[in-house]
């Protein structure tokens, strides 16, 4: 059996969401984390930013509106509805340090179901683009992009 020694690097800016412009104090503040944003119109999705710096019951860690959860690493994390009974879907977006090539592989390290959630999914997609995806006004439908095939 052969073994291969591999090295990796984090290509996502502020991947742990610990760097921020301002400490979150309410829902829908993903843009408080450096390099993170909501690509869709806030009427249709309001992704949350949770951080230990917050004293708000909505945005603190480990206690917040969705239950009790420490960040996997560090002091911050994001929260999104992948689908809700009101047919709401939320998305988060980040820009990269480097342009990706076919040789790069991106892995989502940790996805956790909030304590107050009743449903989950095994279909989470990742979309890569050369330009920012902003201001999507697609109602409550999924974003009109084809996710990467891993």
N, C-alpha and C. Protein backbone atom coordinates (compact mmCIF):
# COMPACT_ATOMS: atom_id res chain seq x y z
N UNK A 1 0.85 -1.17 0.00
CA UNK A 1 0.00 0.00 0.00
C UNK A 1 0.90 1.24 0.00
N UNK A 2 0.65 2.17 -0.88
CA UNK A 2 1.44 3.40 -0.97
C UNK A 2 0.75 4.51 -0.19
N UNK A 3 1.56 5.37 0.38
CA UNK A 3 1.05 6.51 1.12
C UNK A 3 1.50 7.79 0.44
N UNK A 4 0.66 8.77 0.47
CA UNK A 4 0.97 10.05 -0.15
C UNK A 4 0.92 11.13 0.91
N UNK A 5 1.98 11.90 1.04
CA UNK A 5 2.03 13.00 1.98
C UNK A 5 1.47 14.25 1.29
N UNK A 6 0.39 14.78 1.80
CA UNK A 6 -0.26 15.95 1.19
C UNK A 6 -0.24 17.14 2.14
N UNK A 7 -0.18 18.31 1.57
CA UNK A 7 -0.29 19.53 2.34
C UNK A 7 -1.50 20.30 1.83
N UNK A 8 -2.11 21.08 2.69
CA UNK A 8 -3.29 21.83 2.28
C UNK A 8 -3.18 23.26 2.76
N UNK A 9 -4.06 24.07 2.26
CA UNK A 9 -4.14 25.45 2.70
C UNK A 9 -5.60 25.87 2.68
N UNK A 10 -5.93 26.84 3.51
CA UNK A 10 -7.29 27.35 3.55
C UNK A 10 -7.42 28.45 2.50
N UNK A 11 -8.24 28.23 1.50
CA UNK A 11 -8.42 29.19 0.42
C UNK A 11 -9.55 30.16 0.70
N UNK A 12 -10.29 29.97 1.77
CA UNK A 12 -11.42 30.83 2.09
C UNK A 12 -10.97 31.92 3.06
N UNK A 13 -11.23 33.15 2.69
CA UNK A 13 -10.88 34.27 3.58
C UNK A 13 -11.78 34.22 4.82
N UNK A 14 -11.16 34.32 5.98
CA UNK A 14 -11.90 34.33 7.25
C UNK A 14 -12.84 33.13 7.34
N UNK A 15 -12.32 31.95 7.01
CA UNK A 15 -13.14 30.74 7.00
C UNK A 15 -13.79 30.40 8.32
N UNK A 16 -13.19 30.80 9.43
CA UNK A 16 -13.78 30.53 10.74
C UNK A 16 -14.69 31.67 11.22
N UNK A 17 -14.82 32.71 10.42
CA UNK A 17 -15.70 33.86 10.69
C UNK A 17 -15.32 34.65 11.94
N UNK A 18 -14.11 34.51 12.43
CA UNK A 18 -13.71 35.18 13.67
C UNK A 18 -13.38 36.66 13.48
N UNK A 19 -13.00 37.06 12.28
CA UNK A 19 -12.71 38.47 12.02
C UNK A 19 -14.03 39.15 11.65
N UNK A 20 -14.26 40.32 12.23
CA UNK A 20 -15.53 40.97 11.97
C UNK A 20 -15.41 42.49 11.95
N UNK A 21 -16.35 43.11 11.22
CA UNK A 21 -16.46 44.57 11.19
C UNK A 21 -17.10 45.05 12.48
N UNK A 22 -18.16 44.34 12.90
CA UNK A 22 -18.86 44.68 14.14
C UNK A 22 -19.42 43.40 14.74
N UNK A 23 -19.54 43.41 16.05
CA UNK A 23 -20.07 42.25 16.75
C UNK A 23 -21.57 42.16 16.47
N UNK A 24 -22.10 40.98 16.11
CA UNK A 24 -23.52 40.88 15.80
C UNK A 24 -24.40 41.09 17.02
N UNK A 25 -25.55 41.73 16.81
CA UNK A 25 -26.48 41.93 17.92
C UNK A 25 -27.91 41.56 17.56
N UNK A 26 -28.10 40.93 16.38
CA UNK A 26 -29.44 40.55 15.95
C UNK A 26 -29.32 39.53 14.82
N UNK A 27 -30.47 39.13 14.26
CA UNK A 27 -30.52 38.23 13.10
C UNK A 27 -29.93 38.93 11.87
N UNK A 28 -29.71 38.18 10.81
CA UNK A 28 -29.38 38.71 9.49
C UNK A 28 -28.14 39.61 9.48
N UNK A 29 -27.08 39.21 10.13
CA UNK A 29 -25.89 40.05 10.16
C UNK A 29 -24.64 39.32 9.68
N UNK A 30 -24.80 38.42 8.70
CA UNK A 30 -23.64 37.70 8.17
C UNK A 30 -22.61 38.67 7.60
N UNK A 31 -23.06 39.82 7.11
CA UNK A 31 -22.12 40.79 6.55
C UNK A 31 -21.29 41.50 7.62
N UNK A 32 -21.54 41.21 8.90
CA UNK A 32 -20.68 41.72 9.97
C UNK A 32 -19.34 40.99 10.01
N UNK A 33 -19.31 39.77 9.47
CA UNK A 33 -18.07 39.00 9.39
C UNK A 33 -17.32 39.41 8.13
N UNK A 34 -16.03 39.68 8.26
CA UNK A 34 -15.23 40.08 7.11
C UNK A 34 -15.29 39.05 6.00
N UNK A 35 -15.49 39.52 4.77
CA UNK A 35 -15.49 38.73 3.54
C UNK A 35 -16.72 37.84 3.34
N UNK A 36 -17.72 37.92 4.23
CA UNK A 36 -18.93 37.12 4.11
C UNK A 36 -20.11 38.02 3.76
N UNK A 37 -21.06 37.48 2.98
CA UNK A 37 -22.22 38.27 2.58
C UNK A 37 -23.39 37.36 2.25
N UNK A 38 -24.56 37.96 2.10
CA UNK A 38 -25.79 37.30 1.70
C UNK A 38 -26.00 37.57 0.21
N UNK A 39 -25.96 36.55 -0.66
CA UNK A 39 -26.11 36.81 -2.09
C UNK A 39 -27.54 37.09 -2.53
N UNK A 40 -28.53 36.76 -1.70
CA UNK A 40 -29.92 36.96 -2.10
C UNK A 40 -30.53 38.18 -1.41
N UNK A 41 -31.63 38.61 -1.93
CA UNK A 41 -32.36 39.74 -1.35
C UNK A 41 -32.77 39.37 0.07
N UNK A 42 -32.50 40.23 1.07
CA UNK A 42 -32.82 39.90 2.47
C UNK A 42 -34.30 39.60 2.72
N UNK A 43 -35.16 39.98 1.82
CA UNK A 43 -36.58 39.65 1.98
C UNK A 43 -36.75 38.13 1.93
N UNK A 44 -35.88 37.45 1.18
CA UNK A 44 -36.04 36.02 0.96
C UNK A 44 -35.08 35.15 1.76
N UNK A 45 -34.21 35.72 2.51
CA UNK A 45 -33.28 34.93 3.30
C UNK A 45 -32.40 35.83 4.14
N UNK A 46 -32.25 35.48 5.40
CA UNK A 46 -31.50 36.33 6.33
C UNK A 46 -30.49 35.48 7.12
N UNK A 47 -29.36 35.10 6.50
CA UNK A 47 -28.39 34.27 7.21
C UNK A 47 -27.83 34.99 8.43
N UNK A 48 -27.59 34.21 9.46
CA UNK A 48 -27.18 34.77 10.75
C UNK A 48 -25.68 34.59 11.00
N UNK A 49 -25.15 35.49 11.80
CA UNK A 49 -23.75 35.45 12.22
C UNK A 49 -23.75 35.37 13.74
N UNK A 50 -23.14 34.32 14.27
CA UNK A 50 -23.07 34.12 15.71
C UNK A 50 -21.62 34.29 16.16
N UNK A 51 -21.41 34.99 17.28
CA UNK A 51 -20.06 35.21 17.77
C UNK A 51 -20.09 35.33 19.29
N UNK A 52 -19.04 34.82 19.95
CA UNK A 52 -18.95 34.91 21.41
C UNK A 52 -18.90 36.34 21.90
N UNK A 53 -18.51 37.28 21.04
CA UNK A 53 -18.43 38.69 21.46
C UNK A 53 -19.82 39.29 21.70
N UNK A 54 -20.86 38.66 21.18
CA UNK A 54 -22.21 39.20 21.27
C UNK A 54 -22.84 38.94 22.63
N UNK A 55 -23.55 39.93 23.14
CA UNK A 55 -24.33 39.76 24.37
C UNK A 55 -25.81 39.56 24.05
N UNK A 56 -26.15 39.54 22.76
CA UNK A 56 -27.53 39.37 22.31
C UNK A 56 -27.97 37.91 22.40
N UNK A 57 -29.20 37.67 22.83
CA UNK A 57 -29.72 36.31 22.86
C UNK A 57 -29.96 35.77 21.45
N UNK A 58 -29.95 36.65 20.44
CA UNK A 58 -30.12 36.22 19.06
C UNK A 58 -28.81 35.76 18.43
N UNK A 59 -27.69 36.36 18.80
CA UNK A 59 -26.46 36.16 18.03
C UNK A 59 -25.25 35.69 18.85
N UNK A 60 -25.45 35.34 20.09
CA UNK A 60 -24.29 34.94 20.91
C UNK A 60 -23.95 33.46 20.71
N UNK A 61 -22.81 33.08 21.19
CA UNK A 61 -22.35 31.69 21.24
C UNK A 61 -21.95 31.43 22.68
N UNK A 62 -22.39 30.35 23.29
CA UNK A 62 -23.07 29.20 22.71
C UNK A 62 -24.60 29.29 22.71
N UNK A 63 -25.18 30.23 23.46
CA UNK A 63 -26.65 30.32 23.50
C UNK A 63 -27.15 31.37 22.52
N UNK A 64 -28.08 30.97 21.66
CA UNK A 64 -28.69 31.92 20.72
C UNK A 64 -30.09 31.43 20.37
N UNK A 65 -30.76 32.09 19.45
CA UNK A 65 -32.15 31.76 19.15
C UNK A 65 -32.33 30.34 18.63
N UNK A 66 -31.29 29.73 18.06
CA UNK A 66 -31.46 28.39 17.50
C UNK A 66 -31.09 27.28 18.47
N UNK A 67 -30.64 27.65 19.67
CA UNK A 67 -30.32 26.64 20.67
C UNK A 67 -28.98 26.88 21.32
N UNK A 68 -28.26 25.80 21.56
CA UNK A 68 -26.98 25.84 22.26
C UNK A 68 -25.94 25.14 21.39
N UNK A 69 -24.91 25.87 20.97
CA UNK A 69 -23.87 25.27 20.15
C UNK A 69 -22.61 26.11 20.21
N UNK A 70 -21.50 25.50 20.56
CA UNK A 70 -20.21 26.17 20.46
C UNK A 70 -19.76 26.14 19.01
N UNK A 71 -18.93 27.10 18.63
CA UNK A 71 -18.32 27.07 17.30
C UNK A 71 -17.41 25.86 17.22
N UNK A 72 -17.30 25.26 16.05
CA UNK A 72 -16.44 24.08 15.89
C UNK A 72 -15.00 24.42 16.23
N UNK A 73 -14.53 25.55 15.72
CA UNK A 73 -13.22 26.08 16.07
C UNK A 73 -13.39 27.57 16.33
N UNK A 74 -12.63 28.10 17.24
CA UNK A 74 -12.68 29.54 17.47
C UNK A 74 -13.93 30.01 18.18
N UNK A 75 -14.39 31.20 17.79
CA UNK A 75 -15.44 31.87 18.55
C UNK A 75 -16.65 32.29 17.72
N UNK A 76 -16.75 31.85 16.46
CA UNK A 76 -17.84 32.33 15.60
C UNK A 76 -18.30 31.26 14.63
N UNK A 77 -19.52 31.44 14.11
CA UNK A 77 -20.06 30.56 13.08
C UNK A 77 -21.24 31.25 12.40
N UNK A 78 -21.72 30.66 11.32
CA UNK A 78 -22.86 31.19 10.58
C UNK A 78 -24.04 30.25 10.74
N UNK A 79 -25.24 30.79 10.54
CA UNK A 79 -26.44 29.98 10.59
C UNK A 79 -27.33 30.29 9.39
N UNK A 80 -27.79 29.24 8.71
CA UNK A 80 -28.68 29.42 7.55
C UNK A 80 -29.81 28.41 7.62
N UNK A 81 -30.96 28.83 7.09
CA UNK A 81 -32.05 27.90 6.83
C UNK A 81 -31.79 27.32 5.45
N UNK A 82 -31.66 26.01 5.36
CA UNK A 82 -31.52 25.38 4.06
C UNK A 82 -32.89 25.22 3.41
N UNK A 83 -33.90 25.14 4.23
CA UNK A 83 -35.29 25.13 3.82
C UNK A 83 -36.12 25.24 5.09
N UNK A 84 -37.19 26.00 5.03
CA UNK A 84 -38.08 26.08 6.19
C UNK A 84 -39.51 25.89 5.72
N UNK A 85 -40.43 25.76 6.66
CA UNK A 85 -41.84 25.55 6.32
C UNK A 85 -42.41 26.69 5.49
N UNK A 86 -41.86 27.88 5.60
CA UNK A 86 -42.28 29.00 4.78
C UNK A 86 -41.57 29.01 3.43
N UNK A 87 -40.88 27.90 3.10
CA UNK A 87 -40.12 27.76 1.87
C UNK A 87 -39.02 28.82 1.76
N UNK A 88 -38.37 29.08 2.87
CA UNK A 88 -37.27 30.04 2.91
C UNK A 88 -35.96 29.27 2.77
N UNK A 89 -35.08 29.79 1.91
CA UNK A 89 -33.74 29.23 1.75
C UNK A 89 -32.74 30.36 1.96
N UNK A 90 -31.71 30.09 2.73
CA UNK A 90 -30.70 31.12 2.99
C UNK A 90 -29.35 30.65 2.45
N UNK A 91 -28.54 31.63 2.04
CA UNK A 91 -27.25 31.35 1.44
C UNK A 91 -26.22 32.28 2.04
N UNK A 92 -24.96 31.84 2.03
CA UNK A 92 -23.86 32.70 2.41
C UNK A 92 -22.81 32.64 1.31
N UNK A 93 -22.04 33.71 1.19
CA UNK A 93 -21.06 33.82 0.11
C UNK A 93 -19.76 34.37 0.67
N UNK A 94 -18.65 33.91 0.08
CA UNK A 94 -17.32 34.34 0.48
C UNK A 94 -16.47 34.47 -0.77
N UNK A 95 -15.45 35.33 -0.70
CA UNK A 95 -14.50 35.43 -1.81
C UNK A 95 -13.23 34.68 -1.41
N UNK A 96 -12.43 34.30 -2.37
CA UNK A 96 -11.25 33.46 -2.13
C UNK A 96 -9.96 34.26 -2.20
N UNK A 97 -8.93 33.76 -1.53
CA UNK A 97 -7.59 34.33 -1.65
C UNK A 97 -7.04 34.07 -3.04
N UNK A 98 -7.25 32.89 -3.55
CA UNK A 98 -6.70 32.46 -4.82
C UNK A 98 -7.83 32.01 -5.74
N UNK A 99 -7.59 32.10 -7.01
CA UNK A 99 -8.55 31.53 -7.94
C UNK A 99 -8.41 30.01 -7.90
N UNK A 100 -9.51 29.33 -7.90
CA UNK A 100 -9.48 27.88 -7.83
C UNK A 100 -9.18 27.27 -9.20
N UNK A 101 -8.50 26.17 -9.20
CA UNK A 101 -8.27 25.41 -10.42
C UNK A 101 -8.87 24.03 -10.23
N UNK A 102 -8.79 23.19 -11.25
CA UNK A 102 -9.33 21.83 -11.13
C UNK A 102 -8.60 21.03 -10.07
N UNK A 103 -7.41 21.44 -9.69
CA UNK A 103 -6.63 20.70 -8.70
C UNK A 103 -7.04 21.03 -7.27
N UNK A 104 -7.79 22.09 -7.07
CA UNK A 104 -8.20 22.45 -5.72
C UNK A 104 -9.48 21.70 -5.34
N UNK A 105 -9.56 21.27 -4.12
CA UNK A 105 -10.75 20.61 -3.60
C UNK A 105 -11.17 21.37 -2.36
N UNK A 106 -12.43 21.72 -2.28
CA UNK A 106 -12.94 22.42 -1.11
C UNK A 106 -13.85 21.48 -0.35
N UNK A 107 -13.68 21.43 0.95
CA UNK A 107 -14.48 20.55 1.80
C UNK A 107 -15.16 21.39 2.87
N UNK A 108 -16.46 21.20 3.04
CA UNK A 108 -17.16 21.83 4.15
C UNK A 108 -16.84 21.00 5.38
N UNK A 109 -16.21 21.61 6.37
CA UNK A 109 -15.74 20.86 7.52
C UNK A 109 -16.85 20.42 8.46
N UNK A 110 -17.78 21.30 8.74
CA UNK A 110 -18.75 20.95 9.77
C UNK A 110 -20.08 21.64 9.50
N UNK A 111 -21.10 20.86 9.47
CA UNK A 111 -22.45 21.38 9.37
C UNK A 111 -23.22 20.76 10.53
N UNK A 112 -23.91 21.59 11.28
CA UNK A 112 -24.56 21.14 12.49
C UNK A 112 -26.01 21.58 12.50
N UNK A 113 -26.90 20.70 12.86
CA UNK A 113 -28.32 21.02 12.97
C UNK A 113 -28.57 21.76 14.28
N UNK A 114 -29.20 22.92 14.21
CA UNK A 114 -29.52 23.69 15.41
C UNK A 114 -30.49 22.95 16.32
N UNK A 115 -30.39 23.15 17.61
CA UNK A 115 -31.24 22.47 18.58
C UNK A 115 -32.73 22.67 18.32
N UNK A 116 -33.09 23.85 17.87
CA UNK A 116 -34.50 24.17 17.66
C UNK A 116 -35.02 23.73 16.29
N UNK A 117 -34.16 23.15 15.45
CA UNK A 117 -34.57 22.71 14.11
C UNK A 117 -35.20 21.32 14.18
N UNK A 118 -36.19 21.11 13.33
CA UNK A 118 -36.89 19.82 13.31
C UNK A 118 -36.55 18.99 12.08
N UNK A 119 -35.95 19.60 11.07
CA UNK A 119 -35.68 18.91 9.81
C UNK A 119 -34.24 19.14 9.38
N UNK A 120 -33.73 18.27 8.54
CA UNK A 120 -32.39 18.43 7.99
C UNK A 120 -32.38 17.96 6.53
N UNK A 121 -31.25 18.04 5.89
CA UNK A 121 -31.11 17.61 4.50
C UNK A 121 -29.74 16.99 4.30
N UNK A 122 -29.63 16.18 3.28
CA UNK A 122 -28.32 15.64 2.91
C UNK A 122 -27.90 16.19 1.54
N UNK A 123 -28.55 17.26 1.12
CA UNK A 123 -28.25 17.87 -0.18
C UNK A 123 -27.85 19.33 0.00
N UNK A 124 -26.59 19.55 0.29
CA UNK A 124 -26.05 20.90 0.44
C UNK A 124 -25.09 21.13 -0.70
N UNK A 125 -25.31 22.18 -1.46
CA UNK A 125 -24.49 22.45 -2.63
C UNK A 125 -23.52 23.59 -2.42
N UNK A 126 -22.47 23.60 -3.23
CA UNK A 126 -21.48 24.67 -3.24
C UNK A 126 -21.35 25.13 -4.68
N UNK A 127 -21.42 26.43 -4.90
CA UNK A 127 -21.31 27.00 -6.23
C UNK A 127 -20.07 27.88 -6.29
N UNK A 128 -19.28 27.74 -7.34
CA UNK A 128 -18.07 28.53 -7.52
C UNK A 128 -18.28 29.48 -8.69
N UNK A 129 -17.88 30.74 -8.52
CA UNK A 129 -18.05 31.74 -9.56
C UNK A 129 -16.83 32.65 -9.60
N UNK A 130 -16.53 33.19 -10.77
CA UNK A 130 -15.43 34.15 -10.90
C UNK A 130 -15.84 35.54 -10.45
N UNK A 131 -17.12 35.76 -10.29
CA UNK A 131 -17.64 37.07 -9.88
C UNK A 131 -18.58 36.90 -8.70
N UNK A 132 -18.76 37.94 -7.89
CA UNK A 132 -19.71 37.84 -6.77
C UNK A 132 -21.14 37.60 -7.25
N UNK A 133 -21.87 36.85 -6.45
CA UNK A 133 -23.29 36.62 -6.71
C UNK A 133 -24.04 37.46 -5.69
N UNK A 134 -24.64 38.54 -6.13
CA UNK A 134 -25.31 39.47 -5.21
C UNK A 134 -26.66 39.89 -5.76
N UNK A 135 -27.57 40.28 -4.88
CA UNK A 135 -28.85 40.86 -5.27
C UNK A 135 -29.79 39.91 -5.98
N UNK A 136 -29.69 38.63 -5.69
CA UNK A 136 -30.59 37.66 -6.32
C UNK A 136 -32.00 37.89 -5.81
N UNK A 137 -32.94 38.08 -6.70
CA UNK A 137 -34.35 38.30 -6.35
C UNK A 137 -35.18 37.17 -6.96
N UNK A 138 -35.02 35.98 -6.42
CA UNK A 138 -35.67 34.83 -7.02
C UNK A 138 -36.83 34.29 -6.20
N UNK A 139 -37.43 35.14 -5.38
CA UNK A 139 -38.51 34.63 -4.55
C UNK A 139 -37.99 33.62 -3.56
N UNK A 140 -38.72 32.56 -3.38
CA UNK A 140 -38.30 31.54 -2.43
C UNK A 140 -37.75 30.29 -3.13
N UNK A 141 -37.46 30.40 -4.40
CA UNK A 141 -36.91 29.27 -5.16
C UNK A 141 -35.41 29.15 -4.90
N UNK A 142 -34.85 27.97 -5.16
CA UNK A 142 -33.39 27.84 -5.05
C UNK A 142 -32.69 28.80 -6.01
N UNK A 143 -31.45 29.16 -5.67
CA UNK A 143 -30.69 30.01 -6.58
C UNK A 143 -30.54 29.33 -7.93
N UNK A 144 -30.52 30.11 -9.00
CA UNK A 144 -30.51 29.51 -10.35
C UNK A 144 -29.11 29.12 -10.84
N UNK A 145 -28.35 28.39 -10.01
CA UNK A 145 -26.99 27.99 -10.37
C UNK A 145 -26.84 26.49 -10.16
N UNK A 146 -25.91 25.91 -10.88
CA UNK A 146 -25.64 24.48 -10.73
C UNK A 146 -24.49 24.33 -9.74
N UNK A 147 -24.70 23.61 -8.63
CA UNK A 147 -23.62 23.46 -7.66
C UNK A 147 -22.50 22.58 -8.20
N UNK A 148 -21.32 22.72 -7.60
CA UNK A 148 -20.15 21.93 -8.00
C UNK A 148 -20.42 20.46 -7.76
N UNK A 149 -19.87 19.63 -8.61
CA UNK A 149 -20.01 18.20 -8.48
C UNK A 149 -18.72 17.66 -7.89
N UNK A 150 -18.78 17.09 -6.70
CA UNK A 150 -17.58 16.57 -6.04
C UNK A 150 -17.44 15.10 -6.26
